[in-house]
C-alpha atoms as a PDB file:
ATOM      1  CA  MET A   1       4.284  38.411 -97.041  1.00  0.00           C
ATOM      2  CA  ASP A   2       3.965  37.027-100.745  1.00  0.00           C
ATOM      3  CA  VAL A   3       1.395  34.791-101.998  1.00  0.00           C
ATOM      4  CA  ARG A   4       0.863  32.987-105.300  1.00  0.00           C
ATOM      5  CA  LEU A   5      -2.614  33.278-106.859  1.00  0.00           C
ATOM      6  CA  ARG A   6      -4.463  30.809-109.192  1.00  0.00           C
ATOM      7  CA  VAL A   7      -7.388  32.738-110.342  1.00  0.00           C
ATOM      8  CA  TRP A   8     -10.328  31.802-112.674  1.00  0.00           C
ATOM      9  CA  ARG A   9     -10.536  34.110-115.425  1.00  0.00           C
ATOM     10  CA  GLN A  10     -13.635  34.175-117.792  1.00  0.00           C
ATOM     11  CA  PRO A  11     -14.278  37.269-120.167  1.00  0.00           C
ATOM     12  CA  LYS A  12     -18.030  36.377-120.090  1.00  0.00           C
ATOM     13  CA  GLY A  13     -20.367  33.591-119.416  1.00  0.00           C
ATOM     14  CA  ASP A  14     -20.581  32.048-122.747  1.00  0.00           C
ATOM     15  CA  VAL A  15     -16.728  32.021-123.101  1.00  0.00           C
ATOM     16  CA  THR A  16     -14.579  29.097-121.743  1.00  0.00           C
ATOM     17  CA  GLY A  17     -12.654  30.262-118.883  1.00  0.00           C
ATOM     18  CA  GLU A  18      -9.312  29.062-117.403  1.00  0.00           C
ATOM     19  CA  PHE A  19      -6.958  29.436-114.471  1.00  0.00           C
ATOM     20  CA  ILE A  20      -4.293  32.276-114.523  1.00  0.00           C
ATOM     21  CA  ASP A  21      -1.398  32.455-112.144  1.00  0.00           C
ATOM     22  CA  TYR A  22      -0.541  35.729-110.416  1.00  0.00           C
ATOM     23  CA  GLU A  23       1.798  36.846-107.758  1.00  0.00           C
ATOM     24  CA  ALA A  24       0.687  39.351-104.759  1.00  0.00           C
ATOM     25  CA  ASN A  25       4.075  40.705-103.116  1.00  0.00           C
ATOM     26  CA  ASP A  26       4.575  42.767 -99.907  1.00  0.00           C
ATOM     27  CA  VAL A  27       1.035  42.060 -98.937  1.00  0.00           C
ATOM     28  CA  SER A  28       0.283  43.199 -95.261  1.00  0.00           C
ATOM     29  CA  PRO A  29      -0.930  40.228 -93.095  1.00  0.00           C
ATOM     30  CA  GLU A  30      -3.477  42.645 -91.857  1.00  0.00           C
ATOM     31  CA  ALA A  31      -4.900  43.392 -95.154  1.00  0.00           C
ATOM     32  CA  SER A  32      -8.203  41.913 -96.016  1.00  0.00           C
ATOM     33  CA  PHE A  33      -8.728  39.332 -98.869  1.00  0.00           C
ATOM     34  CA  PHE A  34     -10.228  42.037-101.017  1.00  0.00           C
ATOM     35  CA  GLU A  35      -7.523  44.565-100.391  1.00  0.00           C
ATOM     36  CA  MET A  36      -5.002  41.815-101.466  1.00  0.00           C
ATOM     37  CA  LEU A  37      -6.966  41.541-104.681  1.00  0.00           C
ATOM     38  CA  ASP A  38      -7.199  45.341-105.053  1.00  0.00           C
ATOM     39  CA  GLN A  39      -3.373  45.265-104.887  1.00  0.00           C
ATOM     40  CA  VAL A  40      -3.260  42.899-107.657  1.00  0.00           C
ATOM     41  CA  ASN A  41      -5.574  44.717-109.727  1.00  0.00           C
ATOM     42  CA  GLU A  42      -3.589  47.807-109.585  1.00  0.00           C
ATOM     43  CA  ALA A  43      -0.648  46.057-110.814  1.00  0.00           C
ATOM     44  CA  LEU A  44      -2.797  44.730-113.764  1.00  0.00           C
ATOM     45  CA  ASN A  45      -4.029  48.226-114.394  1.00  0.00           C
ATOM     46  CA  HIS A  46      -0.546  49.643-114.580  1.00  0.00           C
ATOM     47  CA  ALA A  47       0.616  46.825-116.872  1.00  0.00           C
ATOM     48  CA  GLY A  48      -2.416  47.551-119.354  1.00  0.00           C
ATOM     49  CA  GLU A  49      -4.108  44.160-118.386  1.00  0.00           C
ATOM     50  CA  ASP A  50      -7.717  43.598-117.619  1.00  0.00           C
ATOM     51  CA  PRO A  51      -8.197  43.506-113.905  1.00  0.00           C
ATOM     52  CA  ILE A  52      -9.822  40.439-112.181  1.00  0.00           C
ATOM     53  CA  ALA A  53     -13.442  41.189-111.668  1.00  0.00           C
ATOM     54  CA  PHE A  54     -15.143  40.298-108.401  1.00  0.00           C
ATOM     55  CA  ASP A  55     -17.965  41.361-106.218  1.00  0.00           C
ATOM     56  CA  SER A  56     -17.903  43.453-103.216  1.00  0.00           C
ATOM     57  CA  ASP A  57     -19.961  46.469-101.697  1.00  0.00           C
ATOM     58  CA  CYS A  58     -19.841  46.949 -98.009  1.00  0.00           C
ATOM     59  CA  ARG A  59     -16.692  44.932 -97.166  1.00  0.00           C
ATOM     60  CA  GLU A  60     -18.161  44.498 -93.525  1.00  0.00           C
ATOM     61  CA  GLY A  61     -19.738  41.174 -93.896  1.00  0.00           C
ATOM     62  CA  ILE A  62     -23.156  42.629 -93.925  1.00  0.00           C
ATOM     63  CA  CYS A  63     -24.518  42.941 -97.584  1.00  0.00           C
ATOM     64  CA  GLY A  64     -23.687  39.461 -99.041  1.00  0.00           C
ATOM     65  CA  ALA A  65     -22.317  40.924-102.246  1.00  0.00           C
ATOM     66  CA  CYS A  66     -18.890  39.204-101.623  1.00  0.00           C
ATOM     67  CA  GLY A  67     -18.355  35.465-101.981  1.00  0.00           C
ATOM     68  CA  LEU A  68     -15.634  33.343-103.501  1.00  0.00           C
ATOM     69  CA  MET A  69     -14.362  29.736-103.481  1.00  0.00           C
ATOM     70  CA  ILE A  70     -10.853  30.099-101.804  1.00  0.00           C
ATOM     71  CA  ASN A  71      -8.880  26.834-101.733  1.00  0.00           C
ATOM     72  CA  GLY A  72     -12.102  25.164-102.271  1.00  0.00           C
ATOM     73  CA  SER A  73     -14.121  26.588 -99.392  1.00  0.00           C
ATOM     74  CA  PRO A  74     -16.707  29.192 -99.657  1.00  0.00           C
ATOM     75  CA  HIS A  75     -15.490  32.219 -98.256  1.00  0.00           C
ATOM     76  CA  GLY A  76     -12.079  30.833 -97.513  1.00  0.00           C
ATOM     77  CA  PRO A  77     -10.750  28.970 -94.258  1.00  0.00           C
ATOM     78  CA  GLN A  78     -12.213  31.050 -91.543  1.00  0.00           C
ATOM     79  CA  GLN A  79     -15.702  29.445 -90.728  1.00  0.00           C
ATOM     80  CA  GLY A  80     -18.509  32.131 -89.840  1.00  0.00           C
ATOM     81  CA  THR A  81     -16.938  34.852 -91.948  1.00  0.00           C
ATOM     82  CA  ALA A  82     -17.507  36.450 -95.367  1.00  0.00           C
ATOM     83  CA  THR A  83     -14.938  36.684 -97.859  1.00  0.00           C
ATOM     84  CA  CYS A  84     -14.499  40.498 -97.204  1.00  0.00           C
ATOM     85  CA  GLN A  85     -13.784  39.981 -93.632  1.00  0.00           C
ATOM     86  CA  VAL A  86     -11.036  37.252 -94.130  1.00  0.00           C
ATOM     87  CA  HIS A  87      -7.644  38.678 -93.413  1.00  0.00           C
ATOM     88  CA  MET A  88      -4.186  37.743 -95.121  1.00  0.00           C
ATOM     89  CA  ARG A  89      -2.862  36.451 -91.643  1.00  0.00           C
ATOM     90  CA  LYS A  90      -5.012  33.238 -92.134  1.00  0.00           C
ATOM     91  CA  PHE A  91      -2.626  32.222 -95.007  1.00  0.00           C
ATOM     92  CA  THR A  92       1.091  31.775 -94.825  1.00  0.00           C
ATOM     93  CA  ASP A  93       3.961  33.348 -96.763  1.00  0.00           C
ATOM     94  CA  GLY A  94       4.535  31.755-100.219  1.00  0.00           C
ATOM     95  CA  GLN A  95       1.213  29.843-100.114  1.00  0.00           C
ATOM     96  CA  LEU A  96      -0.670  29.000-103.370  1.00  0.00           C
ATOM     97  CA  ILE A  97      -4.221  30.329-103.251  1.00  0.00           C
ATOM     98  CA  THR A  98      -6.990  29.090-105.677  1.00  0.00           C
ATOM     99  CA  ILE A  99      -9.784  31.581-106.326  1.00  0.00           C
ATOM    100  CA  GLU A 100     -12.952  30.522-108.123  1.00  0.00           C
ATOM    101  CA  PRO A 101     -16.534  31.815-108.360  1.00  0.00           C
ATOM    102  CA  TRP A 102     -19.566  30.029-107.039  1.00  0.00           C
ATOM    103  CA  ARG A 103     -20.045  26.869-108.958  1.00  0.00           C
ATOM    104  CA  ALA A 104     -23.781  26.244-109.610  1.00  0.00           C
ATOM    105  CA  ALA A 105     -26.078  26.049-112.640  1.00  0.00           C
ATOM    106  CA  ALA A 106     -28.353  28.647-111.200  1.00  0.00           C
ATOM    107  CA  PHE A 107     -25.444  30.960-110.589  1.00  0.00           C
ATOM    108  CA  PRO A 108     -24.086  31.575-114.175  1.00  0.00           C
ATOM    109  CA  VAL A 109     -20.690  33.369-114.386  1.00  0.00           C
ATOM    110  CA  ILE A 110     -20.968  36.870-115.727  1.00  0.00           C
ATOM    111  CA  LYS A 111     -17.283  37.579-115.594  1.00  0.00           C
ATOM    112  CA  ASP A 112     -14.263  36.201-113.742  1.00  0.00           C
ATOM    113  CA  LEU A 113     -15.343  35.669-110.098  1.00  0.00           C
ATOM    114  CA  VAL A 114     -18.814  37.359-110.712  1.00  0.00           C
ATOM    115  CA  VAL A 115     -22.004  35.281-110.741  1.00  0.00           C
ATOM    116  CA  ASP A 116     -25.393  36.273-111.414  1.00  0.00           C
ATOM    117  CA  ARG A 117     -27.371  35.551-108.135  1.00  0.00           C
ATOM    118  CA  SER A 118     -30.662  37.298-109.137  1.00  0.00           C
ATOM    119  CA  ILE A 119     -32.756  34.173-108.768  1.00  0.00           C
ATOM    120  CA  PHE A 120     -32.595  34.692-105.036  1.00  0.00           C
ATOM    121  CA  ASP A 121     -34.501  37.920-105.710  1.00  0.00           C
ATOM    122  CA  GLU A 122     -37.081  36.023-107.511  1.00  0.00           C
ATOM    123  CA  ILE A 123     -37.452  33.638-104.553  1.00  0.00           C
ATOM    124  CA  ILE A 124     -37.824  36.539-102.161  1.00  0.00           C
ATOM    125  CA  GLU A 125     -40.355  38.274-104.352  1.00  0.00           C
ATOM    126  CA  SER A 126     -42.506  35.123-104.549  1.00  0.00           C
ATOM    127  CA  GLY A 127     -43.332  35.512-100.874  1.00  0.00           C
ATOM    128  CA  GLY A 128     -40.834  37.423 -98.710  1.00  0.00           C
ATOM    129  CA  PHE A 129     -43.282  40.094 -97.531  1.00  0.00           C
ATOM    130  CA  ILE A 130     -45.799  40.578 -95.015  1.00  0.00           C
ATOM    131  CA  SER A 131     -49.231  42.517 -95.077  1.00  0.00           C
ATOM    132  CA  ALA A 132     -49.646  45.465 -93.048  1.00  0.00           C
ATOM    133  CA  ASN A 133     -52.355  47.835 -92.736  1.00  0.00           C
ATOM    134  CA  ILE A 134     -51.415  51.283 -93.811  1.00  0.00           C
ATOM    135  CA  GLY A 135     -51.667  54.466 -91.908  1.00  0.00           C
ATOM    136  CA  SER A 136     -49.634  55.876 -89.007  1.00  0.00           C
ATOM    137  CA  ALA A 137     -46.679  53.898 -87.695  1.00  0.00           C
ATOM    138  CA  PRO A 138     -47.516  51.406 -84.986  1.00  0.00           C
ATOM    139  CA  ASP A 139     -46.013  51.610 -81.523  1.00  0.00           C
ATOM    140  CA  ALA A 140     -43.027  49.434 -81.293  1.00  0.00           C
ATOM    141  CA  ASN A 141     -44.579  47.270 -78.821  1.00  0.00           C
ATOM    142  CA  ALA A 142     -48.175  47.177 -80.321  1.00  0.00           C
ATOM    143  CA  VAL A 143     -47.826  43.421 -81.367  1.00  0.00           C
ATOM    144  CA  PRO A 144     -46.496  41.259 -78.593  1.00  0.00           C
ATOM    145  CA  VAL A 145     -43.675  38.850 -79.896  1.00  0.00           C
ATOM    146  CA  PRO A 146     -42.549  35.849 -77.532  1.00  0.00           C
ATOM    147  CA  HIS A 147     -38.826  36.228 -76.655  1.00  0.00           C
ATOM    148  CA  THR A 148     -37.987  32.811 -78.167  1.00  0.00           C
ATOM    149  CA  ALA A 149     -39.741  33.602 -81.501  1.00  0.00           C
ATOM    150  CA  ALA A 150     -38.048  36.922 -81.688  1.00  0.00           C
ATOM    151  CA  GLU A 151     -34.472  35.473 -81.017  1.00  0.00           C
ATOM    152  CA  SER A 152     -35.017  32.741 -83.540  1.00  0.00           C
ATOM    153  CA  ALA A 153     -36.409  35.153 -86.130  1.00  0.00           C
ATOM    154  CA  MET A 154     -33.371  37.163 -85.690  1.00  0.00           C
ATOM    155  CA  ASP A 155     -31.184  34.317 -86.032  1.00  0.00           C
ATOM    156  CA  ALA A 156     -32.668  33.574 -89.314  1.00  0.00           C
ATOM    157  CA  ALA A 157     -32.909  37.012 -90.467  1.00  0.00           C
ATOM    158  CA  ALA A 158     -28.895  37.347 -90.292  1.00  0.00           C
ATOM    159  CA  CYS A 159     -28.845  35.598 -93.765  1.00  0.00           C
ATOM    160  CA  ILE A 160     -27.213  38.099 -96.160  1.00  0.00           C
ATOM    161  CA  GLY A 161     -28.020  36.058 -99.250  1.00  0.00           C
ATOM    162  CA  CYS A 162     -24.477  35.551-100.464  1.00  0.00           C
ATOM    163  CA  GLY A 163     -24.892  32.046-102.028  1.00  0.00           C
ATOM    164  CA  ALA A 164     -22.349  30.156-100.053  1.00  0.00           C
ATOM    165  CA  CYS A 165     -24.978  27.416 -99.035  1.00  0.00           C
ATOM    166  CA  VAL A 166     -25.636  26.857-102.740  1.00  0.00           C
ATOM    167  CA  ALA A 167     -21.778  26.793-103.533  1.00  0.00           C
ATOM    168  CA  ALA A 168     -20.928  24.326-100.757  1.00  0.00           C
ATOM    169  CA  CYS A 169     -23.967  21.927-101.366  1.00  0.00           C
ATOM    170  CA  PRO A 170     -23.061  18.862-103.429  1.00  0.00           C
ATOM    171  CA  ASN A 171     -26.567  19.277-104.922  1.00  0.00           C
ATOM    172  CA  SER A 172     -26.128  22.960-105.404  1.00  0.00           C
ATOM    173  CA  ALA A 173     -29.499  23.187-103.146  1.00  0.00           C
ATOM    174  CA  ALA A 174     -30.768  26.550-101.834  1.00  0.00           C
ATOM    175  CA  ASN A 175     -32.615  25.173 -98.940  1.00  0.00           C
ATOM    176  CA  LEU A 176     -30.763  27.164 -96.163  1.00  0.00           C
ATOM    177  CA  PHE A 177     -31.110  30.447 -97.968  1.00  0.00           C
ATOM    178  CA  THR A 178     -34.845  29.873 -98.597  1.00  0.00           C
ATOM    179  CA  ALA A 179     -35.652  28.585 -95.175  1.00  0.00           C
ATOM    180  CA  ALA A 180     -33.964  31.397 -93.532  1.00  0.00           C
ATOM    181  CA  LYS A 181     -36.129  33.878 -95.543  1.00  0.00           C
ATOM    182  CA  ILE A 182     -39.290  31.990 -94.801  1.00  0.00           C
ATOM    183  CA  THR A 183     -38.491  31.110 -91.149  1.00  0.00           C
ATOM    184  CA  HIS A 184     -37.802  34.751 -89.977  1.00  0.00           C
ATOM    185  CA  LEU A 185     -41.268  35.787 -91.206  1.00  0.00           C
ATOM    186  CA  ASN A 186     -43.164  32.545 -90.279  1.00  0.00           C
ATOM    187  CA  LEU A 187     -42.085  32.979 -86.696  1.00  0.00           C
ATOM    188  CA  LEU A 188     -43.487  36.340 -86.167  1.00  0.00           C
ATOM    189  CA  PRO A 189     -46.962  37.383 -85.549  1.00  0.00           C
ATOM    190  CA  GLN A 190     -46.667  39.825 -88.413  1.00  0.00           C
ATOM    191  CA  GLY A 191     -45.899  37.148 -90.903  1.00  0.00           C
ATOM    192  CA  GLN A 192     -49.038  34.831 -90.016  1.00  0.00           C
ATOM    193  CA  PRO A 193     -51.375  35.951 -92.694  1.00  0.00           C
ATOM    194  CA  GLU A 194     -49.122  34.908 -95.518  1.00  0.00           C
ATOM    195  CA  ARG A 195     -47.518  32.063 -93.699  1.00  0.00           C
ATOM    196  CA  TYR A 196     -48.614  28.908 -95.641  1.00  0.00           C
ATOM    197  CA  LEU A 197     -48.974  30.795 -98.996  1.00  0.00           C
ATOM    198  CA  ARG A 198     -45.508  32.265 -98.549  1.00  0.00           C
ATOM    199  CA  THR A 199     -43.906  28.862 -97.805  1.00  0.00           C
ATOM    200  CA  VAL A 200     -45.470  27.160-100.759  1.00  0.00           C
ATOM    201  CA  ALA A 201     -44.567  30.019-103.195  1.00  0.00           C
ATOM    202  CA  MET A 202     -40.956  30.285-102.175  1.00  0.00           C
ATOM    203  CA  VAL A 203     -40.324  26.589-102.095  1.00  0.00           C
ATOM    204  CA  GLU A 204     -42.001  26.231-105.300  1.00  0.00           C
ATOM    205  CA  THR A 205     -39.708  29.051-106.959  1.00  0.00           C
ATOM    206  CA  MET A 206     -36.876  27.527-105.454  1.00  0.00           C
ATOM    207  CA  GLU A 207     -37.366  23.942-106.737  1.00  0.00           C
ATOM    208  CA  GLU A 208     -37.346  25.511-110.300  1.00  0.00           C
ATOM    209  CA  TYR A 209     -33.917  26.232-110.057  1.00  0.00           C
ATOM    210  CA  PHE A 210     -31.864  24.422-107.336  1.00  0.00           C
ATOM    211  CA  GLY A 211     -31.247  20.859-106.469  1.00  0.00           C
ATOM    212  CA  SER A 212     -32.885  18.988-103.690  1.00  0.00           C
ATOM    213  CA  CYS A 213     -31.574  18.922-100.112  1.00  0.00           C
ATOM    214  CA  THR A 214     -30.314  15.463 -98.964  1.00  0.00           C
ATOM    215  CA  ASN A 215     -28.987  16.695 -95.530  1.00  0.00           C
ATOM    216  CA  PHE A 216     -25.305  17.091 -96.047  1.00  0.00           C
ATOM    217  CA  GLY A 217     -24.998  19.772 -93.766  1.00  0.00           C
ATOM    218  CA  GLU A 218     -22.531  21.715 -95.639  1.00  0.00           C
ATOM    219  CA  CYS A 219     -24.635  24.666 -96.094  1.00  0.00           C
ATOM    220  CA  GLU A 220     -24.592  25.296 -92.338  1.00  0.00           C
ATOM    221  CA  THR A 221     -20.705  25.065 -92.172  1.00  0.00           C
ATOM    222  CA  ALA A 222     -20.147  27.239 -94.958  1.00  0.00           C
ATOM    223  CA  CYS A 223     -22.628  30.043 -94.094  1.00  0.00           C
ATOM    224  CA  PRO A 224     -20.818  33.137 -92.917  1.00  0.00           C
ATOM    225  CA  LYS A 225     -23.701  33.854 -90.404  1.00  0.00           C
ATOM    226  CA  ASN A 226     -23.604  30.485 -88.834  1.00  0.00           C
ATOM    227  CA  ILE A 227     -27.238  29.925 -89.623  1.00  0.00           C
ATOM    228  CA  SER A 228     -28.547  26.538 -88.442  1.00  0.00           C
ATOM    229  CA  ILE A 229     -29.943  23.913 -90.682  1.00  0.00           C
ATOM    230  CA  ASP A 230     -32.881  23.852 -88.156  1.00  0.00           C
ATOM    231  CA  VAL A 231     -34.483  26.491 -90.357  1.00  0.00           C
ATOM    232  CA  ILE A 232     -34.888  23.952 -93.096  1.00  0.00           C
ATOM    233  CA  ALA A 233     -36.773  21.581 -90.703  1.00  0.00           C
ATOM    234  CA  TRP A 234     -39.222  24.440 -89.895  1.00  0.00           C
ATOM    235  CA  MET A 235     -39.533  25.278 -93.589  1.00  0.00           C
ATOM    236  CA  ASN A 236     -40.338  21.768 -94.332  1.00  0.00           C
ATOM    237  CA  ARG A 237     -42.664  21.305 -91.556  1.00  0.00           C
ATOM    238  CA  ASP A 238     -44.713  24.513 -92.767  1.00  0.00           C
ATOM    239  CA  PHE A 239     -44.460  23.264 -96.352  1.00  0.00           C
ATOM    240  CA  VAL A 240     -46.364  19.892 -95.353  1.00  0.00           C
ATOM    241  CA  ALA A 241     -48.791  21.855 -93.199  1.00  0.00           C
ATOM    242  CA  ALA A 242     -49.503  23.913 -96.162  1.00  0.00           C
ATOM    243  CA  GLN A 243     -50.331  21.055 -98.333  1.00  0.00           C
ATOM    244  CA  TRP A 244     -52.551  19.597 -95.828  1.00  0.00           C
ATOM    245  CA  LYS A 245     -54.554  22.868 -95.639  1.00  0.00           C
ATOM    246  CA  ASN A 246     -54.652  22.954 -99.359  1.00  0.00           C
ATOM    247  CA  LEU A 247     -56.153  19.308 -99.474  1.00  0.00           C
ATOM    248  CA  LEU A 248     -58.701  20.326 -96.833  1.00  0.00           C
ATOM    249  CA  LYS A 249     -59.776  23.308 -98.726  1.00  0.00           C
ATOM    250  CA  ALA A 250     -60.180  20.989-101.672  1.00  0.00           C
ATOM    251  CA  GLY A 251     -61.991  18.576 -99.918  1.00  0.00           C
ATOM    252  CA  GLN A 252     -59.723  15.834-100.373  1.00  0.00           C
ATOM    253  CA  ALA A 253     -58.699  15.017 -96.997  1.00  0.00           C
END
């Protein structure tokens, strides 16, 4: 199959970018989207031109390094799938495909389709950890975990931190990402000691850089791991509880 590409090219963050047209010919329908881009880049290399810069690592939908806007949709046309797992059979022969980076002020463009998502690391560093006594490793079943809590925590922990939720949100909010990271720890017994400190720290860090959630629900639709916006409700509940606890400590309630 042959496809036409309209790709955002931007040499570096402080330089104005533009769309450039390319062609990808004789692409296998079974090739992944990135394999198609690899093919285009090989042709650009042979022509002595600068290849298209994009992020990828595992190419198995696990690491979260990938992430492109494809025809206006984060990760492309297949819901619940990361860009690296989208195959060319999802497109038609001769189709025009527009490829852009994530568009959010908190994700500045580094080059072409590569954006800086390091602010996600700051959010995690502010509270995404638990306290544990050092020493020998405890038995796997030493801390009982209710089945429903374990299942919900695992669902939240599926977040790969790709940033699709931010790219899809009209407000560029990061509530789904932050809530997933908070919830998967707050639901477990091991996460209780820092539960409310964690929630406040991570929410306040998030609010420094991202917009506010107004319940559009685009984040849930764009998430390649189908994480439910229920986690945002759990995060908001714990944030309100944390504020109440702080008032009680200060003797203002």
